[in-house]
Amino acid sequence: MTERNYQQWGHPEISAQLLDITKKRLEMDFVLEGDNRSMHVLNAVSPAFTCSFPFASHVCDHIDNAMG
């Protein structure tokens, strides 16, 4: 094989998506991680969705549960 065997090149694509290394697959949804001192929203690739009231309520519920 030489470079001459490859005449057409695909367009590179970059995707900011979380990889679950234990399951060896891409996460398709948000992942919330935290404790009673902090909360992290992982895999948040859409700023518009993270600003929604239902999502904010969901995050607040997780914080309440973590704090006990």
Foldseek 3Di string as FASTA:
>chain_A
DDVVVDDDDDDDDDDQFDADVVVRGTDPDWDWDDAQPDIDIPRCPDPVVCPDPVNVVVRVVVNVVRND
